[in-house]
Amino acid sequence: MESIALPLQAAGDWIEYPESVLLFAVLALAGIGTGVLLVLSLVVYNRRRTRTYALVTLAIGMLFFRSIVGLGTVSGAVSMPVHHLIAHSIDFVIAGLILYAAYGSGPSSSTAGVGHSD
């Protein structure tokens, strides 16, 4: 526990030592979880090979990278201003990727009215 505690004590003035260990654990679990999701999404993309699956896989990859940035912030390797700049930029990119994937996977205008009677 001492080997983990020393780097986390240097995280900065924004967080105290006991909370930093809990935050590090939560971020590590999030990193592991999103890493597993990333591997699964790569497998699915490899099977489907469509733009929609590529965009979703890229969004999940960005979530994984966001967890890495969070771990870097807790360990003191990434400053809080840089963390906010990167993390919130990643949030914007993820939202854009998902919206673009949803927009691109919808029905085309030529098939939108097929099968519907008014």
C-alpha atoms as a PDB file:
ATOM      1  CA  MET A   1       0.000   0.000   0.000  1.00  0.00           C
ATOM      2  CA  GLU A   2       2.944   2.316   0.677  1.00  0.00           C
ATOM      3  CA  SER A   3       4.141   2.056  -2.947  1.00  0.00           C
ATOM      4  CA  ILE A   4       0.735   3.200  -4.232  1.00  0.00           C
ATOM      5  CA  ALA A   5       0.321   5.899  -1.614  1.00  0.00           C
ATOM      6  CA  LEU A   6       3.495   7.856  -2.399  1.00  0.00           C
ATOM      7  CA  PRO A   7       2.712   8.780  -6.033  1.00  0.00           C
ATOM      8  CA  LEU A   8      -0.895   9.549  -5.140  1.00  0.00           C
ATOM      9  CA  GLN A   9       0.169  11.933  -2.385  1.00  0.00           C
ATOM     10  CA  ALA A  10       1.777  14.090  -5.079  1.00  0.00           C
ATOM     11  CA  ALA A  11      -1.498  14.481  -7.001  1.00  0.00           C
ATOM     12  CA  GLY A  12      -1.798  18.113  -6.066  1.00  0.00           C
ATOM     13  CA  ASP A  13      -3.731  20.413  -3.795  1.00  0.00           C
ATOM     14  CA  TRP A  14      -7.102  19.541  -5.290  1.00  0.00           C
ATOM     15  CA  ILE A  15      -7.391  16.137  -3.564  1.00  0.00           C
ATOM     16  CA  GLU A  16      -6.184  14.661  -0.297  1.00  0.00           C
ATOM     17  CA  TYR A  17      -4.390  11.343   0.094  1.00  0.00           C
ATOM     18  CA  PRO A  18      -7.164   9.002   1.328  1.00  0.00           C
ATOM     19  CA  GLU A  19      -9.622  10.176  -1.327  1.00  0.00           C
ATOM     20  CA  SER A  20      -6.994   9.933  -4.042  1.00  0.00           C
ATOM     21  CA  VAL A  21      -6.631   6.186  -3.453  1.00  0.00           C
ATOM     22  CA  LEU A  22     -10.389   5.686  -3.810  1.00  0.00           C
ATOM     23  CA  LEU A  23     -10.484   7.866  -6.928  1.00  0.00           C
ATOM     24  CA  PHE A  24      -7.511   5.981  -8.378  1.00  0.00           C
ATOM     25  CA  ALA A  25      -9.291   2.662  -7.754  1.00  0.00           C
ATOM     26  CA  VAL A  26     -12.502   3.879  -9.399  1.00  0.00           C
ATOM     27  CA  LEU A  27     -10.588   5.218 -12.406  1.00  0.00           C
ATOM     28  CA  ALA A  28      -8.613   1.989 -12.679  1.00  0.00           C
ATOM     29  CA  LEU A  29     -11.849  -0.022 -12.735  1.00  0.00           C
ATOM     30  CA  ALA A  30     -13.303   2.367 -15.313  1.00  0.00           C
ATOM     31  CA  GLY A  31     -10.154   1.956 -17.406  1.00  0.00           C
ATOM     32  CA  ILE A  32     -10.367  -1.814 -17.205  1.00  0.00           C
ATOM     33  CA  GLY A  33     -14.080  -1.763 -18.040  1.00  0.00           C
ATOM     34  CA  THR A  34     -13.696   0.559 -21.019  1.00  0.00           C
ATOM     35  CA  GLY A  35     -10.646  -1.420 -22.134  1.00  0.00           C
ATOM     36  CA  VAL A  36     -12.767  -4.583 -22.234  1.00  0.00           C
ATOM     37  CA  LEU A  37     -15.504  -2.709 -24.110  1.00  0.00           C
ATOM     38  CA  LEU A  38     -12.911  -1.410 -26.555  1.00  0.00           C
ATOM     39  CA  VAL A  39     -11.637  -4.921 -27.285  1.00  0.00           C
ATOM     40  CA  LEU A  40     -15.210  -6.169 -27.741  1.00  0.00           C
ATOM     41  CA  SER A  41     -16.070  -3.261 -30.032  1.00  0.00           C
ATOM     42  CA  LEU A  42     -12.956  -3.991 -32.116  1.00  0.00           C
ATOM     43  CA  VAL A  43     -14.097  -7.602 -32.481  1.00  0.00           C
ATOM     44  CA  VAL A  44     -17.572  -6.483 -33.545  1.00  0.00           C
ATOM     45  CA  TYR A  45     -16.150  -3.936 -35.974  1.00  0.00           C
ATOM     46  CA  ASN A  46     -13.887  -6.618 -37.451  1.00  0.00           C
ATOM     47  CA  ARG A  47     -16.985  -8.752 -38.123  1.00  0.00           C
ATOM     48  CA  ARG A  48     -19.245  -5.985 -39.486  1.00  0.00           C
ATOM     49  CA  ARG A  49     -16.764  -3.557 -41.074  1.00  0.00           C
ATOM     50  CA  THR A  50     -19.204  -0.686 -41.481  1.00  0.00           C
ATOM     51  CA  ARG A  51     -18.722   3.021 -40.877  1.00  0.00           C
ATOM     52  CA  THR A  52     -21.252   2.982 -38.034  1.00  0.00           C
ATOM     53  CA  TYR A  53     -19.357   0.298 -36.134  1.00  0.00           C
ATOM     54  CA  ALA A  54     -16.078   2.096 -36.781  1.00  0.00           C
ATOM     55  CA  LEU A  55     -17.495   5.314 -35.294  1.00  0.00           C
ATOM     56  CA  VAL A  56     -18.843   3.533 -32.216  1.00  0.00           C
ATOM     57  CA  THR A  57     -15.505   1.764 -31.755  1.00  0.00           C
ATOM     58  CA  LEU A  58     -13.704   5.099 -32.028  1.00  0.00           C
ATOM     59  CA  ALA A  59     -16.048   6.619 -29.417  1.00  0.00           C
ATOM     60  CA  ILE A  60     -15.357   3.740 -27.020  1.00  0.00           C
ATOM     61  CA  GLY A  61     -11.631   4.166 -27.661  1.00  0.00           C
ATOM     62  CA  MET A  62     -12.003   7.816 -26.672  1.00  0.00           C
ATOM     63  CA  LEU A  63     -13.719   6.745 -23.432  1.00  0.00           C
ATOM     64  CA  PHE A  64     -10.757   4.481 -22.721  1.00  0.00           C
ATOM     65  CA  PHE A  65      -8.326   7.336 -23.385  1.00  0.00           C
ATOM     66  CA  ARG A  66     -10.382   9.574 -21.073  1.00  0.00           C
ATOM     67  CA  SER A  67      -9.870   7.066 -18.250  1.00  0.00           C
ATOM     68  CA  ILE A  68      -6.118   7.135 -18.901  1.00  0.00           C
ATOM     69  CA  VAL A  69      -6.150  10.941 -18.681  1.00  0.00           C
ATOM     70  CA  GLY A  70      -8.034  10.672 -15.367  1.00  0.00           C
ATOM     71  CA  LEU A  71      -5.465   8.240 -13.990  1.00  0.00           C
ATOM     72  CA  GLY A  72      -2.717  10.605 -15.096  1.00  0.00           C
ATOM     73  CA  THR A  73      -4.407  13.469 -13.283  1.00  0.00           C
ATOM     74  CA  VAL A  74      -4.786  11.547 -10.018  1.00  0.00           C
ATOM     75  CA  SER A  75      -1.167  10.413 -10.166  1.00  0.00           C
ATOM     76  CA  GLY A  76       0.016  13.982 -10.795  1.00  0.00           C
ATOM     77  CA  ALA A  77       1.288  13.424 -14.356  1.00  0.00           C
ATOM     78  CA  VAL A  78      -1.476  15.580 -15.908  1.00  0.00           C
ATOM     79  CA  SER A  79      -2.301  18.985 -14.448  1.00  0.00           C
ATOM     80  CA  MET A  80      -5.914  19.852 -13.648  1.00  0.00           C
ATOM     81  CA  PRO A  81      -6.216  22.537 -16.384  1.00  0.00           C
ATOM     82  CA  VAL A  82      -4.830  20.128 -18.999  1.00  0.00           C
ATOM     83  CA  HIS A  83      -7.123  17.392 -17.663  1.00  0.00           C
ATOM     84  CA  HIS A  84     -10.182  19.603 -18.102  1.00  0.00           C
ATOM     85  CA  LEU A  85      -9.139  20.691 -21.572  1.00  0.00           C
ATOM     86  CA  ILE A  86      -8.536  17.125 -22.749  1.00  0.00           C
ATOM     87  CA  ALA A  87     -11.450  15.451 -20.927  1.00  0.00           C
ATOM     88  CA  HIS A  88     -14.089  17.947 -22.028  1.00  0.00           C
ATOM     89  CA  SER A  89     -12.758  17.933 -25.586  1.00  0.00           C
ATOM     90  CA  ILE A  90     -13.043  14.145 -25.545  1.00  0.00           C
ATOM     91  CA  ASP A  91     -16.647  14.444 -24.284  1.00  0.00           C
ATOM     92  CA  PHE A  92     -17.461  16.671 -27.259  1.00  0.00           C
ATOM     93  CA  VAL A  93     -15.786  14.296 -29.728  1.00  0.00           C
ATOM     94  CA  ILE A  94     -17.598  11.260 -28.274  1.00  0.00           C
ATOM     95  CA  ALA A  95     -20.971  13.006 -28.539  1.00  0.00           C
ATOM     96  CA  GLY A  96     -20.213  14.007 -32.127  1.00  0.00           C
ATOM     97  CA  LEU A  97     -19.116  10.499 -33.098  1.00  0.00           C
ATOM     98  CA  ILE A  98     -22.226   8.891 -31.628  1.00  0.00           C
ATOM     99  CA  LEU A  99     -24.571  11.434 -33.215  1.00  0.00           C
ATOM    100  CA  TYR A 100     -22.846  11.042 -36.580  1.00  0.00           C
ATOM    101  CA  ALA A 101     -23.068   7.244 -36.302  1.00  0.00           C
ATOM    102  CA  ALA A 102     -26.780   7.472 -35.447  1.00  0.00           C
ATOM    103  CA  TYR A 103     -27.433   9.923 -38.284  1.00  0.00           C
ATOM    104  CA  GLY A 104     -25.553   7.777 -40.770  1.00  0.00           C
ATOM    105  CA  SER A 105     -27.315   4.558 -39.767  1.00  0.00           C
ATOM    106  CA  GLY A 106     -30.848   5.908 -40.235  1.00  0.00           C
ATOM    107  CA  PRO A 107     -32.977   5.156 -43.267  1.00  0.00           C
ATOM    108  CA  SER A 108     -32.164   7.008 -46.464  1.00  0.00           C
ATOM    109  CA  SER A 109     -34.673   9.533 -47.790  1.00  0.00           C
ATOM    110  CA  SER A 110     -35.624   7.187 -50.640  1.00  0.00           C
ATOM    111  CA  THR A 111     -36.753   4.429 -48.220  1.00  0.00           C
ATOM    112  CA  ALA A 112     -38.202   6.619 -45.478  1.00  0.00           C
ATOM    113  CA  GLY A 113     -41.781   6.396 -46.750  1.00  0.00           C
ATOM    114  CA  VAL A 114     -41.759   2.747 -47.912  1.00  0.00           C
ATOM    115  CA  GLY A 115     -44.400   0.639 -46.207  1.00  0.00           C
ATOM    116  CA  HIS A 116     -46.197   3.568 -44.601  1.00  0.00           C
ATOM    117  CA  SER A 117     -49.654   4.653 -45.643  1.00  0.00           C
ATOM    118  CA  ASP A 118     -51.127   7.987 -44.638  1.00  0.00           C
END
